[in-house]
Amino acid sequence: MLDKLLATACLTLLSAGAAIAEGDAAKGEKVFRKCMACHAVGEDAKTKTGPILNGIVGRAIASQEDFAYSDVLMDLAAEGGTWTPEELGHFLEKPRDYAKGTKMSFAGLRKEQERADVIAFLATHP
């Protein structure tokens, strides 16, 4: 059982690393400015309209304790959803399509490279 868990964890990290490698964290920091009205990252990050995004890459969906998530994200969390780079990419493309009923009002990042860059940036904030 432990061997299977370790193998799954390794595969997840390898696939996450491949997706993050496509993005440029420095460019992603600039793209993240679009997110800063609602989200924060870094050592002194505080919850705003949206949750803190430290450690979001690889974290369970809707898992920040001091944030009231929408029902749809709570349902995804109950199903064991995780914010892999791929899932974040789908969500960031058009949040309201990914999670119908989400409280997030952001229209999304249409450009695939911008999504990859912002995910790479977020990965620098464990």
C-alpha atoms as a PDB file:
ATOM      1  CA  MET A   1       0.000   0.000   0.000  1.00  0.00           C
ATOM      2  CA  LEU A   2       2.763   2.439   0.947  1.00  0.00           C
ATOM      3  CA  ASP A   3       4.617   1.577  -2.284  1.00  0.00           C
ATOM      4  CA  LYS A   4       1.550   2.520  -4.338  1.00  0.00           C
ATOM      5  CA  LEU A   5       1.177   5.823  -2.478  1.00  0.00           C
ATOM      6  CA  LEU A   6       4.840   6.663  -3.016  1.00  0.00           C
ATOM      7  CA  ALA A   7       4.640   5.762  -6.701  1.00  0.00           C
ATOM      8  CA  THR A   8       1.540   7.928  -7.137  1.00  0.00           C
ATOM      9  CA  ALA A   9       3.213  10.830  -5.325  1.00  0.00           C
ATOM     10  CA  CYS A  10       6.300  10.543  -7.533  1.00  0.00           C
ATOM     11  CA  LEU A  11       4.243  10.485 -10.716  1.00  0.00           C
ATOM     12  CA  THR A  12       2.267  13.507  -9.537  1.00  0.00           C
ATOM     13  CA  LEU A  13       5.430  15.450  -8.784  1.00  0.00           C
ATOM     14  CA  LEU A  14       6.972  14.509 -12.121  1.00  0.00           C
ATOM     15  CA  SER A  15       3.897  15.606 -14.065  1.00  0.00           C
ATOM     16  CA  ALA A  16       3.649  18.791 -11.985  1.00  0.00           C
ATOM     17  CA  GLY A  17       7.287  19.555 -12.677  1.00  0.00           C
ATOM     18  CA  ALA A  18       6.804  19.078 -16.406  1.00  0.00           C
ATOM     19  CA  ALA A  19       3.849  21.461 -16.497  1.00  0.00           C
ATOM     20  CA  ILE A  20       5.596  24.062 -14.354  1.00  0.00           C
ATOM     21  CA  ALA A  21       8.751  23.848 -16.478  1.00  0.00           C
ATOM     22  CA  GLU A  22       6.777  25.239 -19.404  1.00  0.00           C
ATOM     23  CA  GLY A  23       6.036  28.450 -17.512  1.00  0.00           C
ATOM     24  CA  ASP A  24       8.270  31.384 -16.667  1.00  0.00           C
ATOM     25  CA  ALA A  25       7.892  32.402 -13.014  1.00  0.00           C
ATOM     26  CA  ALA A  26       9.235  35.933 -13.629  1.00  0.00           C
ATOM     27  CA  LYS A  27       6.638  36.522 -16.332  1.00  0.00           C
ATOM     28  CA  GLY A  28       4.049  34.846 -14.113  1.00  0.00           C
ATOM     29  CA  GLU A  29       4.724  37.380 -11.367  1.00  0.00           C
ATOM     30  CA  LYS A  30       3.640  40.103 -13.798  1.00  0.00           C
ATOM     31  CA  VAL A  31       0.551  38.134 -14.841  1.00  0.00           C
ATOM     32  CA  PHE A  32      -0.295  37.609 -11.151  1.00  0.00           C
ATOM     33  CA  ARG A  33      -0.879  41.358 -10.834  1.00  0.00           C
ATOM     34  CA  LYS A  34      -4.298  40.649 -12.371  1.00  0.00           C
ATOM     35  CA  CYS A  35      -5.010  38.415  -9.364  1.00  0.00           C
ATOM     36  CA  MET A  36      -3.708  40.634  -6.576  1.00  0.00           C
ATOM     37  CA  ALA A  37      -6.957  42.488  -5.941  1.00  0.00           C
ATOM     38  CA  CYS A  38      -8.377  39.246  -4.526  1.00  0.00           C
ATOM     39  CA  HIS A  39      -5.405  36.960  -3.769  1.00  0.00           C
ATOM     40  CA  ALA A  40      -2.050  37.213  -2.010  1.00  0.00           C
ATOM     41  CA  VAL A  41       1.132  35.151  -1.869  1.00  0.00           C
ATOM     42  CA  GLY A  42       4.270  35.398   0.182  1.00  0.00           C
ATOM     43  CA  GLU A  43       5.334  35.317   3.787  1.00  0.00           C
ATOM     44  CA  ASP A  44       2.975  38.104   4.922  1.00  0.00           C
ATOM     45  CA  ALA A  45       0.014  37.094   2.732  1.00  0.00           C
ATOM     46  CA  LYS A  46      -3.432  37.739   4.165  1.00  0.00           C
ATOM     47  CA  THR A  47      -6.802  36.411   3.062  1.00  0.00           C
ATOM     48  CA  LYS A  48      -8.648  38.894   0.871  1.00  0.00           C
ATOM     49  CA  THR A  49     -11.781  38.335  -1.207  1.00  0.00           C
ATOM     50  CA  GLY A  50     -10.037  35.144  -2.312  1.00  0.00           C
ATOM     51  CA  PRO A  51      -7.853  32.703  -0.380  1.00  0.00           C
ATOM     52  CA  ILE A  52      -4.099  32.967   0.099  1.00  0.00           C
ATOM     53  CA  LEU A  53      -2.376  31.093  -2.707  1.00  0.00           C
ATOM     54  CA  ASN A  54       0.812  29.985  -0.955  1.00  0.00           C
ATOM     55  CA  GLY A  55       1.254  26.286  -1.608  1.00  0.00           C
ATOM     56  CA  ILE A  56      -1.675  26.145  -4.045  1.00  0.00           C
ATOM     57  CA  VAL A  57       0.190  23.955  -6.559  1.00  0.00           C
ATOM     58  CA  GLY A  58      -0.429  20.412  -5.361  1.00  0.00           C
ATOM     59  CA  ARG A  59      -2.778  21.444  -2.548  1.00  0.00           C
ATOM     60  CA  ALA A  60      -6.205  19.958  -2.022  1.00  0.00           C
ATOM     61  CA  ILE A  61      -8.998  22.084  -3.483  1.00  0.00           C
ATOM     62  CA  ALA A  62     -10.792  24.338  -0.974  1.00  0.00           C
ATOM     63  CA  SER A  63      -8.377  23.505   1.828  1.00  0.00           C
ATOM     64  CA  GLN A  64      -7.449  26.880   3.315  1.00  0.00           C
ATOM     65  CA  GLU A  65      -9.047  26.745   6.753  1.00  0.00           C
ATOM     66  CA  ASP A  66      -9.909  30.420   7.163  1.00  0.00           C
ATOM     67  CA  PHE A  67     -11.727  30.861   3.856  1.00  0.00           C
ATOM     68  CA  ALA A  68     -15.400  30.291   2.988  1.00  0.00           C
ATOM     69  CA  TYR A  69     -15.348  28.541  -0.382  1.00  0.00           C
ATOM     70  CA  SER A  70     -18.259  28.267  -2.794  1.00  0.00           C
ATOM     71  CA  ASP A  71     -20.321  25.088  -2.695  1.00  0.00           C
ATOM     72  CA  VAL A  72     -18.978  23.934  -6.061  1.00  0.00           C
ATOM     73  CA  LEU A  73     -15.370  24.078  -4.824  1.00  0.00           C
ATOM     74  CA  MET A  74     -16.368  22.308  -1.619  1.00  0.00           C
ATOM     75  CA  ASP A  75     -17.927  19.574  -3.773  1.00  0.00           C
ATOM     76  CA  LEU A  76     -14.690  19.247  -5.771  1.00  0.00           C
ATOM     77  CA  ALA A  77     -12.788  19.021  -2.486  1.00  0.00           C
ATOM     78  CA  ALA A  78     -15.138  16.294  -1.234  1.00  0.00           C
ATOM     79  CA  GLU A  79     -14.332  14.333  -4.404  1.00  0.00           C
ATOM     80  CA  GLY A  80     -10.633  14.529  -3.509  1.00  0.00           C
ATOM     81  CA  GLY A  81      -9.754  17.249  -6.014  1.00  0.00           C
ATOM     82  CA  THR A  82      -6.223  18.635  -6.034  1.00  0.00           C
ATOM     83  CA  TRP A  83      -4.841  21.786  -7.623  1.00  0.00           C
ATOM     84  CA  THR A  84      -2.377  20.114  -9.960  1.00  0.00           C
ATOM     85  CA  PRO A  85      -0.810  22.401 -12.566  1.00  0.00           C
ATOM     86  CA  GLU A  86      -3.210  20.909 -15.127  1.00  0.00           C
ATOM     87  CA  GLU A  87      -6.283  21.549 -12.960  1.00  0.00           C
ATOM     88  CA  LEU A  88      -5.115  25.075 -12.161  1.00  0.00           C
ATOM     89  CA  GLY A  89      -4.628  25.658 -15.881  1.00  0.00           C
ATOM     90  CA  HIS A  90      -8.191  24.593 -16.642  1.00  0.00           C
ATOM     91  CA  PHE A  91      -9.584  26.650 -13.767  1.00  0.00           C
ATOM     92  CA  LEU A  92      -7.603  29.775 -14.657  1.00  0.00           C
ATOM     93  CA  GLU A  93      -8.671  29.606 -18.291  1.00  0.00           C
ATOM     94  CA  LYS A  94     -12.303  30.287 -17.408  1.00  0.00           C
ATOM     95  CA  PRO A  95     -13.147  29.803 -13.722  1.00  0.00           C
ATOM     96  CA  ARG A  96     -16.917  30.002 -14.150  1.00  0.00           C
ATOM     97  CA  ASP A  97     -16.914  27.214 -16.736  1.00  0.00           C
ATOM     98  CA  TYR A  98     -14.585  25.005 -14.683  1.00  0.00           C
ATOM     99  CA  ALA A  99     -16.580  25.445 -11.468  1.00  0.00           C
ATOM    100  CA  LYS A 100     -20.116  26.576 -12.282  1.00  0.00           C
ATOM    101  CA  GLY A 101     -21.318  28.543  -9.269  1.00  0.00           C
ATOM    102  CA  THR A 102     -17.877  29.672  -8.101  1.00  0.00           C
ATOM    103  CA  LYS A 103     -17.743  32.969  -6.211  1.00  0.00           C
ATOM    104  CA  MET A 104     -14.674  33.927  -8.245  1.00  0.00           C
ATOM    105  CA  SER A 105     -15.676  36.717 -10.605  1.00  0.00           C
ATOM    106  CA  PHE A 106     -12.424  36.763 -12.619  1.00  0.00           C
ATOM    107  CA  ALA A 107     -13.076  36.103 -16.320  1.00  0.00           C
ATOM    108  CA  GLY A 108      -9.914  34.031 -16.717  1.00  0.00           C
ATOM    109  CA  LEU A 109      -6.588  33.974 -18.520  1.00  0.00           C
ATOM    110  CA  ARG A 110      -7.223  33.138 -22.158  1.00  0.00           C
ATOM    111  CA  LYS A 111      -3.571  32.740 -23.166  1.00  0.00           C
ATOM    112  CA  GLU A 112      -2.109  29.324 -22.370  1.00  0.00           C
ATOM    113  CA  GLN A 113       1.366  30.789 -21.840  1.00  0.00           C
ATOM    114  CA  GLU A 114       0.047  33.285 -19.273  1.00  0.00           C
ATOM    115  CA  ARG A 115      -1.590  30.425 -17.378  1.00  0.00           C
ATOM    116  CA  ALA A 116       1.641  28.400 -17.453  1.00  0.00           C
ATOM    117  CA  ASP A 117       3.626  31.429 -16.316  1.00  0.00           C
ATOM    118  CA  VAL A 118       1.344  32.258 -13.391  1.00  0.00           C
ATOM    119  CA  ILE A 119       1.308  28.597 -12.287  1.00  0.00           C
ATOM    120  CA  ALA A 120       5.133  28.593 -12.388  1.00  0.00           C
ATOM    121  CA  PHE A 121       5.086  31.768 -10.266  1.00  0.00           C
ATOM    122  CA  LEU A 122       2.646  30.275  -7.772  1.00  0.00           C
ATOM    123  CA  ALA A 123       4.867  27.198  -7.494  1.00  0.00           C
ATOM    124  CA  THR A 124       7.616  29.454  -6.125  1.00  0.00           C
ATOM    125  CA  HIS A 125       5.413  30.154  -3.079  1.00  0.00           C
ATOM    126  CA  PRO A 126       5.193  26.868  -1.161  1.00  0.00           C
END
